[in-house]
Protein backbone atom coordinates (compact mmCIF):
# COMPACT_ATOMS: atom_id res chain seq x y z
CA MET A 1 11.54 18.43 -7.60
CA ASP A 2 9.37 16.79 -10.24
CA ASN A 3 6.79 19.20 -11.60
CA TYR A 4 3.46 17.52 -10.89
CA SER A 5 1.40 20.65 -11.60
CA ASN A 6 -0.27 19.17 -14.70
CA ILE A 7 -0.57 15.59 -13.48
CA SER A 8 -4.37 15.74 -13.40
CA ALA A 9 -4.32 15.83 -17.22
CA HIS A 10 -2.64 12.41 -17.16
CA LEU A 11 -5.02 10.76 -14.70
CA ASN A 12 -8.10 8.78 -15.59
CA GLY A 13 -11.26 10.44 -14.28
CA ASP A 14 -12.28 13.66 -12.57
CA ILE A 15 -9.62 13.91 -9.88
CA ASP A 16 -8.89 16.75 -7.47
CA CYS A 17 -5.08 17.04 -7.16
CA HIS A 18 -3.08 18.70 -4.37
CA ILE A 19 0.67 19.10 -4.95
CA PHE A 20 3.26 20.07 -2.30
CA ASP A 21 7.01 20.51 -2.20
CA SER A 22 6.98 19.60 1.50
CA ILE A 23 4.17 18.55 3.82
CA PRO A 24 3.94 16.75 7.17
CA SER A 25 1.85 13.85 5.83
CA THR A 26 -0.11 13.35 2.60
CA ASN A 27 -2.50 11.03 4.44
CA ASP A 28 -3.18 13.56 7.17
CA TYR A 29 -3.70 16.33 4.60
CA LEU A 30 -6.39 14.45 2.68
CA SER A 31 -7.99 13.27 5.92
CA SER A 32 -8.30 16.92 7.04
CA LEU A 33 -10.20 18.03 3.93
CA GLU A 34 -13.97 18.34 3.94
CA PHE A 35 -15.83 15.37 2.55
CA SER A 36 -16.01 15.27 -1.24
CA PRO A 37 -17.52 12.68 -3.58
CA ARG A 38 -14.62 13.35 -5.97
CA THR A 39 -11.46 11.27 -5.86
CA GLN A 40 -8.68 13.35 -4.33
CA VAL A 41 -4.92 12.94 -4.67
CA CYS A 42 -2.10 14.49 -2.65
CA ILE A 43 1.51 14.28 -3.88
CA ALA A 44 4.58 15.57 -2.05
CA SER A 45 8.29 15.67 -2.76
CA GLU A 46 8.94 15.47 0.98
CA GLN A 47 7.06 14.35 4.09
CA THR A 48 8.32 15.66 7.42
CA GLN A 49 6.03 13.43 9.50
CA GLY A 50 5.44 10.46 7.22
CA LYS A 51 3.48 7.65 8.84
CA GLY A 52 3.62 3.89 8.57
CA GLN A 53 1.46 1.24 10.19
CA TYR A 54 0.64 1.48 13.93
CA ASN A 55 2.02 5.03 14.30
CA ARG A 56 5.46 4.05 13.07
CA THR A 57 7.46 6.62 11.13
CA TRP A 58 7.84 6.33 7.35
CA LEU A 59 11.35 7.58 6.50
CA SER A 60 12.20 9.06 3.11
CA ASN A 61 14.52 11.52 1.37
CA LYS A 62 13.29 14.57 -0.51
CA ASP A 63 12.74 13.99 -4.24
CA ASN A 64 13.86 10.36 -3.96
CA SER A 65 10.56 8.65 -3.18
CA VAL A 66 7.06 8.52 -4.53
CA LEU A 67 4.98 9.94 -1.67
CA LEU A 68 1.27 10.18 -2.35
CA SER A 69 -2.19 9.56 -0.96
CA ILE A 70 -5.49 8.93 -2.71
CA ARG A 71 -8.88 9.52 -1.10
CA CYS A 72 -11.64 7.38 -2.63
CA VAL A 73 -15.29 7.05 -1.72
CA PHE A 74 -16.94 3.64 -1.43
CA SER A 75 -20.47 2.64 -0.52
CA THR A 76 -20.89 1.31 3.02
CA LYS A 77 -22.11 -1.89 1.35
CA VAL A 78 -18.55 -2.59 0.19
CA ASN A 79 -16.49 -4.82 2.51
CA LEU A 80 -13.10 -3.11 2.54
CA SER A 81 -11.29 -6.13 3.96
CA GLY A 82 -8.61 -7.00 1.45
CA LEU A 83 -8.33 -3.50 -0.04
CA SER A 84 -4.71 -3.03 1.08
CA LEU A 85 -3.81 -6.31 -0.61
CA VAL A 86 -5.42 -5.15 -3.85
CA VAL A 87 -3.56 -1.83 -3.69
CA GLY A 88 -0.35 -3.81 -3.17
CA LEU A 89 -1.08 -5.85 -6.30
CA ALA A 90 -1.61 -2.62 -8.25
CA LEU A 91 1.76 -1.29 -7.10
CA LEU A 92 3.47 -4.54 -7.92
CA GLU A 93 2.05 -4.61 -11.46
CA VAL A 94 3.26 -1.06 -12.16
CA LEU A 95 6.70 -1.56 -10.59
CA ARG A 96 7.26 -4.64 -12.74
CA GLY A 97 6.83 -2.34 -15.73
CA TYR A 98 9.70 -0.26 -14.37
CA GLY A 99 12.09 -3.18 -14.25
CA ALA A 100 11.48 -4.42 -10.70
CA ILE A 101 11.33 -8.20 -11.11
CA GLY A 102 10.88 -10.74 -8.31
CA LEU A 103 8.73 -8.61 -6.01
CA GLU A 104 6.55 -10.14 -3.31
CA LEU A 105 3.76 -8.80 -1.12
CA LYS A 106 4.03 -9.12 2.64
CA TRP A 107 0.53 -9.26 4.11
CA PRO A 108 -1.16 -6.90 4.42
CA ASN A 109 0.62 -3.83 3.09
CA ASP A 110 4.32 -4.05 2.18
CA ILE A 111 6.18 -4.77 -1.06
CA TYR A 112 9.36 -6.75 -0.61
CA TYR A 113 12.33 -7.62 -2.78
CA GLN A 114 14.57 -10.41 -1.46
CA ASP A 115 13.54 -9.83 2.18
CA LYS A 116 13.94 -6.05 1.90
CA LYS A 117 11.14 -3.48 1.95
CA LEU A 118 10.64 -1.47 -1.23
CA ALA A 119 7.23 0.12 -0.67
CA GLY A 120 4.48 0.45 1.91
CA ILE A 121 0.76 1.14 2.05
CA LEU A 122 -1.25 2.83 4.81
CA ILE A 123 -5.06 2.89 4.67
CA LYS A 124 -7.39 4.98 6.85
CA ASN A 125 -11.15 4.66 6.66
CA THR A 126 -13.95 6.90 7.94
CA THR A 127 -17.69 6.41 7.47
CA ARG A 128 -20.12 9.20 6.66
CA ASN A 129 -23.81 8.42 6.13
CA GLN A 130 -23.91 5.76 3.38
CA THR A 131 -20.30 6.22 2.25
CA GLN A 132 -16.83 5.19 3.33
CA SER A 133 -14.05 7.71 2.75
CA VAL A 134 -10.80 5.80 2.34
CA VAL A 135 -7.36 7.43 2.31
CA ILE A 136 -4.73 5.21 0.69
CA GLY A 137 -1.17 6.29 1.46
CA ILE A 138 1.70 5.07 -0.72
CA GLY A 139 5.45 5.29 -0.20
CA VAL A 140 7.86 3.87 -2.79
CA ASN A 141 11.62 4.10 -2.35
CA ILE A 142 13.21 5.34 -5.58
CA GLY A 143 16.78 6.19 -4.60
CA VAL A 144 16.82 6.70 -0.87
CA ASP A 145 19.52 6.76 1.79
CA ILE A 146 17.90 6.26 5.18
CA ASP A 147 18.93 4.87 8.56
CA CYS A 148 16.18 2.40 9.38
CA GLN A 149 15.88 -0.75 11.49
CA THR A 150 13.84 -2.44 8.76
CA LEU A 151 15.91 -3.85 5.91
CA TRP A 152 15.02 -1.76 2.86
CA THR A 153 15.85 -1.37 -0.79
CA ASP A 154 14.99 1.09 -3.56
CA LEU A 155 13.96 0.99 -7.19
CA HIS A 156 17.29 2.25 -8.51
CA SER A 157 19.08 -0.65 -6.81
CA ILE A 158 16.87 -3.44 -8.15
CA SER A 159 15.45 -2.17 -11.45
CA THR A 160 16.68 -3.40 -14.81
CA GLN A 161 16.04 0.12 -16.13
CA LYS A 162 18.87 2.64 -15.93
CA SER A 163 16.62 5.62 -15.26
CA ILE A 164 13.22 6.03 -13.62
CA ASN A 165 10.88 8.84 -14.67
CA GLN A 166 9.26 9.68 -11.36
CA PHE A 167 6.40 11.66 -12.91
CA ASP A 168 5.44 8.74 -15.15
CA LEU A 169 5.76 6.28 -12.26
CA THR A 170 3.53 8.41 -10.02
CA LYS A 171 0.92 8.80 -12.75
CA ASP A 172 0.95 5.09 -13.54
CA LEU A 173 0.63 4.13 -9.87
CA ILE A 174 -2.39 6.38 -9.32
CA ASN A 175 -4.17 5.17 -12.46
CA LYS A 176 -3.55 1.50 -11.68
CA ILE A 177 -4.66 1.82 -8.04
CA LEU A 178 -7.89 3.52 -9.13
CA GLU A 179 -8.47 0.84 -11.78
CA PHE A 180 -7.98 -1.97 -9.25
CA CYS A 181 -10.18 -0.17 -6.70
CA GLN A 182 -13.03 -0.12 -9.22
CA VAL A 183 -12.71 -3.86 -9.82
CA PHE A 184 -12.50 -4.46 -6.05
CA GLU A 185 -15.62 -2.37 -5.41
CA ALA A 186 -17.56 -4.34 -8.01
CA ASN A 187 -16.31 -7.86 -7.28
CA GLY A 188 -14.51 -7.94 -3.92
CA PHE A 189 -11.16 -9.55 -3.19
CA THR A 190 -11.92 -12.91 -4.82
CA THR A 191 -11.05 -11.50 -8.27
CA PHE A 192 -7.48 -10.99 -7.05
CA SER A 193 -7.01 -14.21 -5.05
CA LYS A 194 -4.84 -16.02 -7.60
CA GLN A 195 -2.68 -12.95 -8.19
CA TRP A 196 -2.10 -12.64 -4.46
CA ALA A 197 -1.21 -16.31 -4.02
CA SER A 198 1.51 -16.04 -6.67
CA VAL A 199 3.36 -13.25 -4.79
CA ASP A 200 2.54 -14.07 -1.13
CA TYR A 201 5.74 -13.40 0.84
CA LEU A 202 4.45 -15.05 4.04
CA GLN A 203 3.30 -18.28 2.38
CA GLY A 204 4.85 -21.22 4.25
CA LYS A 205 6.66 -18.99 6.78
CA ARG A 206 6.47 -19.62 10.53
CA VAL A 207 4.96 -16.85 12.67
CA ARG A 208 4.05 -16.09 16.25
CA TYR A 209 0.85 -14.25 17.17
CA ASP A 210 0.40 -12.59 20.56
CA ASP A 211 -2.27 -9.96 21.29
CA LYS A 212 -2.36 -10.58 25.07
CA LYS A 213 -5.72 -12.38 24.67
CA GLN A 214 -4.29 -15.30 22.72
CA THR A 215 -0.87 -16.56 21.71
CA PHE A 216 -0.08 -19.17 19.08
CA LEU A 217 2.62 -20.39 16.71
CA GLY A 218 1.87 -21.52 13.20
CA VAL A 219 2.62 -21.50 9.50
CA CYS A 220 1.08 -18.97 7.11
CA CYS A 221 -1.10 -20.64 4.50
CA GLY A 222 -2.47 -17.81 2.39
CA VAL A 223 -5.55 -15.65 2.84
CA ASN A 224 -9.30 -16.25 2.67
CA ASP A 225 -11.78 -14.70 0.22
CA GLU A 226 -11.76 -11.45 2.19
CA GLY A 227 -7.97 -11.13 2.37
CA VAL A 228 -7.73 -12.26 6.00
CA LEU A 229 -4.46 -14.06 6.81
CA LEU A 230 -4.70 -17.77 7.56
CA VAL A 231 -2.25 -19.36 10.00
CA GLU A 232 -2.20 -23.12 10.43
CA THR A 233 -1.46 -24.25 13.99
CA LYS A 234 -1.28 -27.76 15.41
CA ALA A 235 -4.87 -27.42 16.63
CA SER A 236 -6.64 -25.41 13.92
CA THR A 237 -6.43 -22.76 11.21
CA LYS A 238 -6.52 -19.29 12.75
CA GLN A 239 -7.71 -16.10 11.07
CA VAL A 240 -5.51 -13.04 11.62
CA TYR A 241 -6.97 -9.59 10.98
CA SER A 242 -4.03 -7.39 12.00
CA SER A 243 -0.27 -7.65 11.52
CA GLU A 244 0.32 -5.60 14.68
CA PHE A 245 0.68 -8.70 16.88
CA LEU A 246 2.35 -10.93 14.29
CA THR A 247 6.05 -11.77 14.40
CA LEU A 248 7.95 -13.58 11.66
CA LEU A 249 10.09 -16.37 13.13
């Protein structure tokens, strides 16, 4: 297990850190804490009930993944649409520094390398008075061996670096996410639009959308200024707010 006990000394800002060898879910742990205006971080070597999007399971091996959550506080005036995309861009920038070249972001919350999933993001938001408490969950495969339906890869397999210092990677990820969150809070998603367009995995890909209320086929054509997915159909350009009902064709 990496010793994260002194990681707070390497983070930018006044951050409340919670470190575990094993825990059901870092997201659930931070969500269960009483409200605090301080930024809070939870890091674990193992998650026994790791969560992905839409109550899916996030699989990982002990000591072979970065498993962390960050709880940040935003004003209710901040439109959080697009936040998961910004967090993805932060991850991508850091992972490039660790030799992972050719990464793409699959809207709204996955990092891909050559059609295989390397990392995922899960965001939960609760509102209290004039603030929004946002828990950002991060899972990055470092050197995992899992049986999963989703095609996956890990950093050891794709990195140009022979060794990965997991402590440094974790520290760098947290600092970069917090830095990007500050920019996002001040300026919204538009600041990141060009960055996103350059790594958009779904750009030009055909998809099917079916949420029981409406069904359509189309081609992904980027996102709008709030990070909402745009799908061009024969009749019009549709806005998609959730990937739950979206299927890649």
